[in-house]
C-alpha atoms as a PDB file:
ATOM      1  CA  MET A   1       0.000   0.000   0.000  1.00  0.00           C
ATOM      2  CA  GLU A   2       3.026   2.297   0.224  1.00  0.00           C
ATOM      3  CA  ARG A   3       2.577   3.515  -3.363  1.00  0.00           C
ATOM      4  CA  TRP A   4      -0.874   4.866  -2.481  1.00  0.00           C
ATOM      5  CA  ILE A   5       0.309   7.054   0.410  1.00  0.00           C
ATOM      6  CA  GLY A   6      -0.690  10.640  -0.340  1.00  0.00           C
ATOM      7  CA  LYS A   7      -2.832   9.615  -3.316  1.00  0.00           C
ATOM      8  CA  VAL A   8      -6.457  10.765  -3.568  1.00  0.00           C
ATOM      9  CA  ALA A   9      -9.323   8.329  -3.084  1.00  0.00           C
ATOM     10  CA  LEU A  10     -12.970   9.211  -3.667  1.00  0.00           C
ATOM     11  CA  VAL A  11     -15.440   7.043  -1.726  1.00  0.00           C
ATOM     12  CA  THR A  12     -19.171   7.349  -2.394  1.00  0.00           C
ATOM     13  CA  GLY A  13     -21.812   6.425   0.159  1.00  0.00           C
ATOM     14  CA  ALA A  14     -19.258   7.198   2.854  1.00  0.00           C
ATOM     15  CA  SER A  15     -21.621   7.982   5.728  1.00  0.00           C
ATOM     16  CA  ALA A  16     -22.177   4.443   7.013  1.00  0.00           C
ATOM     17  CA  GLY A  17     -21.511   0.747   6.536  1.00  0.00           C
ATOM     18  CA  ILE A  18     -18.940  -0.305   3.956  1.00  0.00           C
ATOM     19  CA  GLY A  19     -18.326   3.287   2.870  1.00  0.00           C
ATOM     20  CA  ALA A  20     -17.560   4.482   6.385  1.00  0.00           C
ATOM     21  CA  ALA A  21     -15.280   1.507   7.066  1.00  0.00           C
ATOM     22  CA  THR A  22     -13.483   2.122   3.771  1.00  0.00           C
ATOM     23  CA  VAL A  23     -12.919   5.805   4.489  1.00  0.00           C
ATOM     24  CA  GLU A  24     -11.484   4.987   7.893  1.00  0.00           C
ATOM     25  CA  ILE A  25      -9.086   2.284   6.722  1.00  0.00           C
ATOM     26  CA  LEU A  26      -7.836   4.254   3.693  1.00  0.00           C
ATOM     27  CA  VAL A  27      -7.080   7.315   5.824  1.00  0.00           C
ATOM     28  CA  LYS A  28      -5.174   5.080   8.233  1.00  0.00           C
ATOM     29  CA  GLU A  29      -3.240   3.663   5.262  1.00  0.00           C
ATOM     30  CA  GLY A  30      -2.115   7.195   4.392  1.00  0.00           C
ATOM     31  CA  LEU A  31      -4.422   8.158   1.536  1.00  0.00           C
ATOM     32  CA  THR A  32      -6.097  11.515   1.120  1.00  0.00           C
ATOM     33  CA  VAL A  33      -9.751  10.495   1.128  1.00  0.00           C
ATOM     34  CA  VAL A  34     -12.752  12.458  -0.107  1.00  0.00           C
ATOM     35  CA  GLY A  35     -15.772  10.832   1.499  1.00  0.00           C
ATOM     36  CA  VAL A  36     -19.067  11.859  -0.067  1.00  0.00           C
ATOM     37  CA  ALA A  37     -22.637  11.225   1.037  1.00  0.00           C
ATOM     38  CA  ARG A  38     -25.968  12.971   1.390  1.00  0.00           C
ATOM     39  CA  ARG A  39     -25.505  12.864   5.186  1.00  0.00           C
ATOM     40  CA  VAL A  40     -22.201  14.704   5.162  1.00  0.00           C
ATOM     41  CA  GLU A  41     -22.291  15.202   8.941  1.00  0.00           C
ATOM     42  CA  LYS A  42     -21.829  11.427   9.353  1.00  0.00           C
ATOM     43  CA  VAL A  43     -18.657  11.579   7.270  1.00  0.00           C
ATOM     44  CA  GLN A  44     -17.433  14.501   9.368  1.00  0.00           C
ATOM     45  CA  GLU A  45     -17.853  12.335  12.478  1.00  0.00           C
ATOM     46  CA  ILE A  46     -15.509   9.766  10.931  1.00  0.00           C
ATOM     47  CA  GLY A  47     -12.971  12.562  10.571  1.00  0.00           C
ATOM     48  CA  GLU A  48     -12.913  12.915  14.350  1.00  0.00           C
ATOM     49  CA  LYS A  49     -12.122   9.196  14.692  1.00  0.00           C
ATOM     50  CA  VAL A  50      -9.138   9.321  12.327  1.00  0.00           C
ATOM     51  CA  GLU A  51      -7.483  12.469  13.631  1.00  0.00           C
ATOM     52  CA  GLY A  52      -3.741  11.887  13.756  1.00  0.00           C
ATOM     53  CA  ALA A  53      -3.802   9.136  11.118  1.00  0.00           C
ATOM     54  CA  LYS A  54      -1.284   9.088   8.261  1.00  0.00           C
ATOM     55  CA  GLY A  55      -3.827  10.291   5.713  1.00  0.00           C
ATOM     56  CA  LYS A  56      -6.441  13.040   5.597  1.00  0.00           C
ATOM     57  CA  LEU A  57     -10.227  13.056   5.205  1.00  0.00           C
ATOM     58  CA  TYR A  58     -12.345  15.610   3.380  1.00  0.00           C
ATOM     59  CA  ALA A  59     -16.105  15.292   3.866  1.00  0.00           C
ATOM     60  CA  ARG A  60     -18.254  16.503   0.979  1.00  0.00           C
ATOM     61  CA  LYS A  61     -21.987  16.446   0.378  1.00  0.00           C
ATOM     62  CA  CYS A  62     -22.970  14.613  -2.791  1.00  0.00           C
ATOM     63  CA  ASP A  63     -26.094  12.786  -3.937  1.00  0.00           C
ATOM     64  CA  VAL A  64     -24.871  10.355  -6.604  1.00  0.00           C
ATOM     65  CA  SER A  65     -28.340  10.221  -8.168  1.00  0.00           C
ATOM     66  CA  LYS A  66     -27.675  13.797  -9.370  1.00  0.00           C
ATOM     67  CA  GLU A  67     -25.058  14.051 -12.121  1.00  0.00           C
ATOM     68  CA  GLU A  68     -24.392  17.714 -11.426  1.00  0.00           C
ATOM     69  CA  GLU A  69     -23.350  16.923  -7.855  1.00  0.00           C
ATOM     70  CA  ILE A  70     -20.960  14.198  -9.037  1.00  0.00           C
ATOM     71  CA  LEU A  71     -19.424  16.613 -11.545  1.00  0.00           C
ATOM     72  CA  GLU A  72     -19.113  19.305  -8.877  1.00  0.00           C
ATOM     73  CA  THR A  73     -17.303  16.812  -6.627  1.00  0.00           C
ATOM     74  CA  PHE A  74     -14.782  15.902  -9.325  1.00  0.00           C
ATOM     75  CA  ALA A  75     -14.267  19.588 -10.164  1.00  0.00           C
ATOM     76  CA  TRP A  76     -13.584  20.364  -6.493  1.00  0.00           C
ATOM     77  CA  ILE A  77     -11.099  17.516  -6.242  1.00  0.00           C
ATOM     78  CA  LYS A  78      -9.302  18.629  -9.417  1.00  0.00           C
ATOM     79  CA  GLU A  79      -9.039  22.210  -8.182  1.00  0.00           C
ATOM     80  CA  ASN A  80      -8.011  21.402  -4.620  1.00  0.00           C
ATOM     81  CA  LEU A  81      -6.288  18.009  -4.716  1.00  0.00           C
ATOM     82  CA  GLY A  82      -5.222  17.492  -8.319  1.00  0.00           C
ATOM     83  CA  GLY A  83      -7.439  14.589  -9.336  1.00  0.00           C
ATOM     84  CA  VAL A  84      -8.871  11.205  -8.390  1.00  0.00           C
ATOM     85  CA  ASP A  85      -6.393   8.325  -8.132  1.00  0.00           C
ATOM     86  CA  VAL A  86      -8.727   5.743  -6.560  1.00  0.00           C
ATOM     87  CA  LEU A  87     -12.507   5.582  -6.910  1.00  0.00           C
ATOM     88  CA  VAL A  88     -14.651   3.390  -4.682  1.00  0.00           C
ATOM     89  CA  ASN A  89     -18.191   3.237  -6.064  1.00  0.00           C
ATOM     90  CA  ASN A  90     -19.951   2.170  -2.902  1.00  0.00           C
ATOM     91  CA  ALA A  91     -23.237   4.109  -2.771  1.00  0.00           C
ATOM     92  CA  GLY A  92     -26.285   1.923  -3.286  1.00  0.00           C
ATOM     93  CA  ILE A  93     -29.944   1.682  -2.281  1.00  0.00           C
ATOM     94  CA  LEU A  94     -32.630  -0.980  -2.042  1.00  0.00           C
ATOM     95  CA  LYS A  95     -36.355  -0.212  -2.198  1.00  0.00           C
ATOM     96  CA  PRO A  96     -38.096  -3.346  -0.897  1.00  0.00           C
ATOM     97  CA  GLU A  97     -40.986  -4.010  -3.248  1.00  0.00           C
ATOM     98  CA  THR A  98     -41.762  -6.688  -5.776  1.00  0.00           C
ATOM     99  CA  LEU A  99     -40.641  -5.941  -9.299  1.00  0.00           C
ATOM    100  CA  SER A 100     -44.050  -7.000 -10.591  1.00  0.00           C
ATOM    101  CA  GLY A 101     -45.819  -4.576  -8.242  1.00  0.00           C
ATOM    102  CA  GLY A 102     -43.255  -1.896  -7.502  1.00  0.00           C
ATOM    103  CA  SER A 103     -43.415   1.816  -8.231  1.00  0.00           C
ATOM    104  CA  THR A 104     -41.802   3.443 -11.254  1.00  0.00           C
ATOM    105  CA  ASP A 105     -40.284   6.092  -8.984  1.00  0.00           C
ATOM    106  CA  GLY A 106     -38.643   3.317  -6.967  1.00  0.00           C
ATOM    107  CA  PHE A 107     -37.279   1.678 -10.116  1.00  0.00           C
ATOM    108  CA  ARG A 108     -35.911   5.003 -11.334  1.00  0.00           C
ATOM    109  CA  HIS A 109     -34.238   5.946  -8.059  1.00  0.00           C
ATOM    110  CA  MET A 110     -32.420   2.631  -7.753  1.00  0.00           C
ATOM    111  CA  LEU A 111     -31.179   2.889 -11.320  1.00  0.00           C
ATOM    112  CA  GLU A 112     -30.035   6.474 -10.772  1.00  0.00           C
ATOM    113  CA  VAL A 113     -27.984   5.551  -7.687  1.00  0.00           C
ATOM    114  CA  ASN A 114     -26.879   1.972  -8.345  1.00  0.00           C
ATOM    115  CA  VAL A 115     -26.225   2.198 -12.084  1.00  0.00           C
ATOM    116  CA  LEU A 116     -26.066   5.729 -13.492  1.00  0.00           C
ATOM    117  CA  GLY A 117     -24.194   7.102 -10.484  1.00  0.00           C
ATOM    118  CA  VAL A 118     -21.578   4.382 -10.896  1.00  0.00           C
ATOM    119  CA  ALA A 119     -21.326   5.012 -14.646  1.00  0.00           C
ATOM    120  CA  VAL A 120     -20.903   8.789 -14.316  1.00  0.00           C
ATOM    121  CA  ALA A 121     -18.354   8.549 -11.483  1.00  0.00           C
ATOM    122  CA  THR A 122     -16.393   5.885 -13.369  1.00  0.00           C
ATOM    123  CA  ARG A 123     -16.320   8.019 -16.523  1.00  0.00           C
ATOM    124  CA  GLU A 124     -15.071  11.046 -14.607  1.00  0.00           C
ATOM    125  CA  ALA A 125     -12.459   9.025 -12.705  1.00  0.00           C
ATOM    126  CA  VAL A 126     -11.040   7.464 -15.867  1.00  0.00           C
ATOM    127  CA  GLN A 127     -10.825  10.889 -17.499  1.00  0.00           C
ATOM    128  CA  SER A 128      -9.066  12.296 -14.416  1.00  0.00           C
ATOM    129  CA  MET A 129      -6.544   9.455 -14.402  1.00  0.00           C
ATOM    130  CA  LYS A 130      -5.873   9.704 -18.143  1.00  0.00           C
ATOM    131  CA  GLU A 131      -5.413  13.488 -18.004  1.00  0.00           C
ATOM    132  CA  ARG A 132      -2.604  13.012 -15.503  1.00  0.00           C
ATOM    133  CA  ASN A 133      -1.267   9.791 -17.049  1.00  0.00           C
ATOM    134  CA  PHE A 134      -1.812   8.009 -13.733  1.00  0.00           C
ATOM    135  CA  ASP A 135      -2.513   4.290 -13.435  1.00  0.00           C
ATOM    136  CA  GLY A 136      -5.272   4.474 -10.847  1.00  0.00           C
ATOM    137  CA  HIS A 137      -7.808   1.971  -9.580  1.00  0.00           C
ATOM    138  CA  ILE A 138     -11.618   1.874  -9.698  1.00  0.00           C
ATOM    139  CA  ILE A 139     -13.398  -0.427  -7.267  1.00  0.00           C
ATOM    140  CA  ASN A 140     -17.103  -1.179  -7.617  1.00  0.00           C
ATOM    141  CA  ILE A 141     -18.896  -2.521  -4.562  1.00  0.00           C
ATOM    142  CA  ASN A 142     -21.140  -5.091  -6.170  1.00  0.00           C
ATOM    143  CA  SER A 143     -23.102  -7.968  -4.591  1.00  0.00           C
ATOM    144  CA  ILE A 144     -23.617 -11.712  -4.855  1.00  0.00           C
ATOM    145  CA  LEU A 145     -26.967 -10.629  -6.310  1.00  0.00           C
ATOM    146  CA  GLY A 146     -25.029  -9.182  -9.223  1.00  0.00           C
ATOM    147  CA  HIS A 147     -24.184 -12.737 -10.302  1.00  0.00           C
ATOM    148  CA  TYR A 148     -27.147 -14.924  -9.387  1.00  0.00           C
ATOM    149  CA  ILE A 149     -30.497 -14.651  -7.613  1.00  0.00           C
ATOM    150  CA  ASN A 150     -30.598 -16.623  -4.384  1.00  0.00           C
ATOM    151  CA  VAL A 151     -33.645 -17.587  -2.307  1.00  0.00           C
ATOM    152  CA  PRO A 152     -37.135 -16.463  -3.430  1.00  0.00           C
ATOM    153  CA  ALA A 153     -37.980 -13.077  -1.934  1.00  0.00           C
ATOM    154  CA  ASP A 154     -40.607 -10.403  -2.428  1.00  0.00           C
ATOM    155  CA  PHE A 155     -38.321  -7.423  -1.790  1.00  0.00           C
ATOM    156  CA  TYR A 156     -35.480  -7.724  -4.319  1.00  0.00           C
ATOM    157  CA  ASN A 157     -37.211  -5.430  -6.819  1.00  0.00           C
ATOM    158  CA  ILE A 158     -34.671  -4.335  -9.463  1.00  0.00           C
ATOM    159  CA  TYR A 159     -31.765  -4.351  -6.992  1.00  0.00           C
ATOM    160  CA  PRO A 160     -30.266  -7.557  -8.487  1.00  0.00           C
ATOM    161  CA  ALA A 161     -30.701  -6.136 -11.994  1.00  0.00           C
ATOM    162  CA  SER A 162     -28.817  -3.006 -10.931  1.00  0.00           C
ATOM    163  CA  LYS A 163     -25.995  -5.144  -9.558  1.00  0.00           C
ATOM    164  CA  TYR A 164     -25.901  -7.301 -12.698  1.00  0.00           C
ATOM    165  CA  ALA A 165     -25.391  -3.980 -14.471  1.00  0.00           C
ATOM    166  CA  VAL A 166     -22.405  -3.234 -12.209  1.00  0.00           C
ATOM    167  CA  THR A 167     -20.924  -6.629 -13.149  1.00  0.00           C
ATOM    168  CA  ALA A 168     -21.341  -5.825 -16.850  1.00  0.00           C
ATOM    169  CA  MET A 169     -20.056  -2.247 -16.513  1.00  0.00           C
ATOM    170  CA  THR A 170     -16.946  -3.410 -14.676  1.00  0.00           C
ATOM    171  CA  GLU A 171     -16.023  -5.846 -17.436  1.00  0.00           C
ATOM    172  CA  THR A 172     -16.954  -3.372 -20.173  1.00  0.00           C
ATOM    173  CA  VAL A 173     -14.631  -0.730 -18.716  1.00  0.00           C
ATOM    174  CA  ARG A 174     -11.858  -3.303 -18.265  1.00  0.00           C
ATOM    175  CA  LYS A 175     -12.070  -4.149 -21.971  1.00  0.00           C
ATOM    176  CA  GLU A 176     -12.157  -0.441 -22.899  1.00  0.00           C
ATOM    177  CA  LEU A 177      -8.993   0.160 -20.869  1.00  0.00           C
ATOM    178  CA  ILE A 178      -7.283  -2.734 -22.641  1.00  0.00           C
ATOM    179  CA  LEU A 179      -8.158  -1.229 -26.027  1.00  0.00           C
ATOM    180  CA  ALA A 180      -6.803   2.128 -24.816  1.00  0.00           C
ATOM    181  CA  LYS A 181      -3.572   0.392 -23.701  1.00  0.00           C
ATOM    182  CA  SER A 182      -4.163   1.814 -20.234  1.00  0.00           C
ATOM    183  CA  LYS A 183      -2.840   0.285 -17.015  1.00  0.00           C
ATOM    184  CA  ILE A 184      -5.765   1.657 -14.968  1.00  0.00           C
ATOM    185  CA  LYS A 185      -7.306  -1.191 -12.982  1.00  0.00           C
ATOM    186  CA  ILE A 186     -10.972  -1.882 -12.286  1.00  0.00           C
ATOM    187  CA  THR A 187     -12.310  -4.401  -9.774  1.00  0.00           C
ATOM    188  CA  SER A 188     -15.738  -5.661  -8.763  1.00  0.00           C
ATOM    189  CA  ILE A 189     -16.073  -6.755  -5.128  1.00  0.00           C
ATOM    190  CA  SER A 190     -19.191  -8.852  -4.516  1.00  0.00           C
ATOM    191  CA  PRO A 191     -19.981  -9.538  -0.863  1.00  0.00           C
ATOM    192  CA  GLY A 192     -22.612 -11.870   0.487  1.00  0.00           C
ATOM    193  CA  LEU A 193     -24.633 -10.673   3.448  1.00  0.00           C
ATOM    194  CA  VAL A 194     -23.072  -7.653   5.131  1.00  0.00           C
ATOM    195  CA  SER A 195     -24.133  -5.991   8.372  1.00  0.00           C
ATOM    196  CA  THR A 196     -24.876  -2.497   7.037  1.00  0.00           C
ATOM    197  CA  GLU A 197     -27.686   0.056   7.129  1.00  0.00           C
ATOM    198  CA  LEU A 198     -29.001  -1.142   3.746  1.00  0.00           C
ATOM    199  CA  PHE A 199     -31.888  -3.174   5.153  1.00  0.00           C
ATOM    200  CA  ALA A 200     -32.772  -0.616   7.829  1.00  0.00           C
ATOM    201  CA  SER A 201     -32.829   2.257   5.359  1.00  0.00           C
ATOM    202  CA  ALA A 202     -34.830   0.142   2.938  1.00  0.00           C
ATOM    203  CA  GLN A 203     -37.392  -0.553   5.647  1.00  0.00           C
ATOM    204  CA  ASP A 204     -37.621   3.186   6.359  1.00  0.00           C
ATOM    205  CA  ARG A 205     -38.394   3.775   2.686  1.00  0.00           C
ATOM    206  CA  LEU A 206     -41.048   1.047   2.747  1.00  0.00           C
ATOM    207  CA  GLY A 207     -42.738   2.601   5.764  1.00  0.00           C
ATOM    208  CA  ARG A 208     -43.738  -0.720   7.313  1.00  0.00           C
ATOM    209  CA  GLU A 209     -42.253  -3.865   8.806  1.00  0.00           C
ATOM    210  CA  TRP A 210     -41.052  -6.536   6.365  1.00  0.00           C
ATOM    211  CA  ASP A 211     -39.838 -10.033   7.048  1.00  0.00           C
ATOM    212  CA  THR A 212     -36.068 -10.340   6.873  1.00  0.00           C
ATOM    213  CA  SER A 213     -35.823 -13.255   9.322  1.00  0.00           C
ATOM    214  CA  GLY A 214     -34.538 -15.594   6.611  1.00  0.00           C
ATOM    215  CA  ILE A 215     -31.663 -13.207   6.002  1.00  0.00           C
ATOM    216  CA  GLU A 216     -30.942 -12.131   9.559  1.00  0.00           C
ATOM    217  CA  SER A 217     -30.582 -15.761  10.708  1.00  0.00           C
ATOM    218  CA  GLN A 218     -27.684 -16.254   8.289  1.00  0.00           C
ATOM    219  CA  PRO A 219     -23.954 -15.779   9.003  1.00  0.00           C
ATOM    220  CA  ILE A 220     -23.006 -12.245   8.093  1.00  0.00           C
ATOM    221  CA  LEU A 221     -19.957 -10.186   7.132  1.00  0.00           C
ATOM    222  CA  ASN A 222     -18.895  -6.955   8.793  1.00  0.00           C
ATOM    223  CA  SER A 223     -18.349  -3.761   6.823  1.00  0.00           C
ATOM    224  CA  GLU A 224     -14.686  -3.948   7.845  1.00  0.00           C
ATOM    225  CA  ASP A 225     -14.359  -7.285   6.016  1.00  0.00           C
ATOM    226  CA  VAL A 226     -15.228  -5.573   2.738  1.00  0.00           C
ATOM    227  CA  ALA A 227     -13.002  -2.585   3.524  1.00  0.00           C
ATOM    228  CA  ASN A 228     -10.110  -4.991   4.119  1.00  0.00           C
ATOM    229  CA  ALA A 229     -10.834  -6.548   0.717  1.00  0.00           C
ATOM    230  CA  ILE A 230     -10.513  -3.098  -0.851  1.00  0.00           C
ATOM    231  CA  VAL A 231      -7.091  -2.702   0.757  1.00  0.00           C
ATOM    232  CA  TYR A 232      -6.154  -6.156  -0.552  1.00  0.00           C
ATOM    233  CA  VAL A 233      -6.989  -5.392  -4.185  1.00  0.00           C
ATOM    234  CA  LEU A 234      -5.296  -1.983  -3.969  1.00  0.00           C
ATOM    235  CA  GLY A 235      -2.192  -3.655  -2.583  1.00  0.00           C
ATOM    236  CA  THR A 236      -1.662  -5.997  -5.532  1.00  0.00           C
ATOM    237  CA  PRO A 237       1.424  -5.323  -7.686  1.00  0.00           C
ATOM    238  CA  PRO A 238       0.964  -3.078 -10.756  1.00  0.00           C
ATOM    239  CA  HIS A 239       0.940  -6.094 -13.115  1.00  0.00           C
ATOM    240  CA  VAL A 240      -1.786  -7.919 -11.132  1.00  0.00           C
ATOM    241  CA  GLN A 241      -5.482  -7.120 -11.465  1.00  0.00           C
ATOM    242  CA  VAL A 242      -8.199  -8.693  -9.338  1.00  0.00           C
ATOM    243  CA  CYS A 243     -11.144  -8.473 -11.717  1.00  0.00           C
ATOM    244  CA  GLU A 244     -13.790  -9.994  -9.466  1.00  0.00           C
ATOM    245  CA  LEU A 245     -13.610 -10.782  -5.747  1.00  0.00           C
ATOM    246  CA  LEU A 246     -16.491 -12.764  -4.247  1.00  0.00           C
ATOM    247  CA  ILE A 247     -16.669 -12.699  -0.440  1.00  0.00           C
ATOM    248  CA  ARG A 248     -19.096 -14.721   1.654  1.00  0.00           C
ATOM    249  CA  PRO A 249     -19.368 -15.391   5.391  1.00  0.00           C
ATOM    250  CA  VAL A 250     -18.429 -18.906   6.413  1.00  0.00           C
ATOM    251  CA  GLY A 251     -21.550 -21.065   6.608  1.00  0.00           C
ATOM    252  CA  GLU A 252     -23.804 -18.867   4.440  1.00  0.00           C
ATOM    253  CA  THR A 253     -26.502 -21.136   2.981  1.00  0.00           C
ATOM    254  CA  ILE A 254     -28.934 -18.821   1.223  1.00  0.00           C
ATOM    255  CA  VAL A 255     -27.608 -19.738  -2.231  1.00  0.00           C
END
């Protein structure tokens, strides 16, 4: 990780869960981290925890469903920090409804955050890296649901479809970078069940109780497990690229 000390990492969805754990560990590893989220005050609280660490944290407000806010974030980083060297596309949402009975607004919002937000941020990061001739790294936080649908459930909605899109986008960009003879890396990290705020925030959006007992009874990963995986893929030698990393808790049986 020594070659990343002082480099700039942009982490989306940095206010909680995997994003918060990633911000914390990257700052401790010596990176300059821009943590963005709608709840910017939560990212600022992380800053208090990492005071005195090798790296530095900048908390910025950004809703990745709004392209103009993503572009403003990249412009701020270019002006103040030079550019983005590492991008962690972590922001994601789940609206627990059936696909066959869900709302169009719900479909649209998930696509805006989980797919379009990733696409726009990836485009801007690649452009930033190419402008400076820097071999950076893009990491997409995907999901097991981006590869196969597990147990029957009435709350997946288009979440798996959005994660399948992340799988396809990751490989598409990898092939584009090959054609461009670029050494920029891109990685998809697909965890199984992770103890994050995803289900709680989804339940808030639903406005009623929903049965997650089949999930909650399963072994589960911590956010730090995924953050450690990010450090692992970043720490590979320049000639090594982890294209896809699938992480599951020991004993998980839902697939």
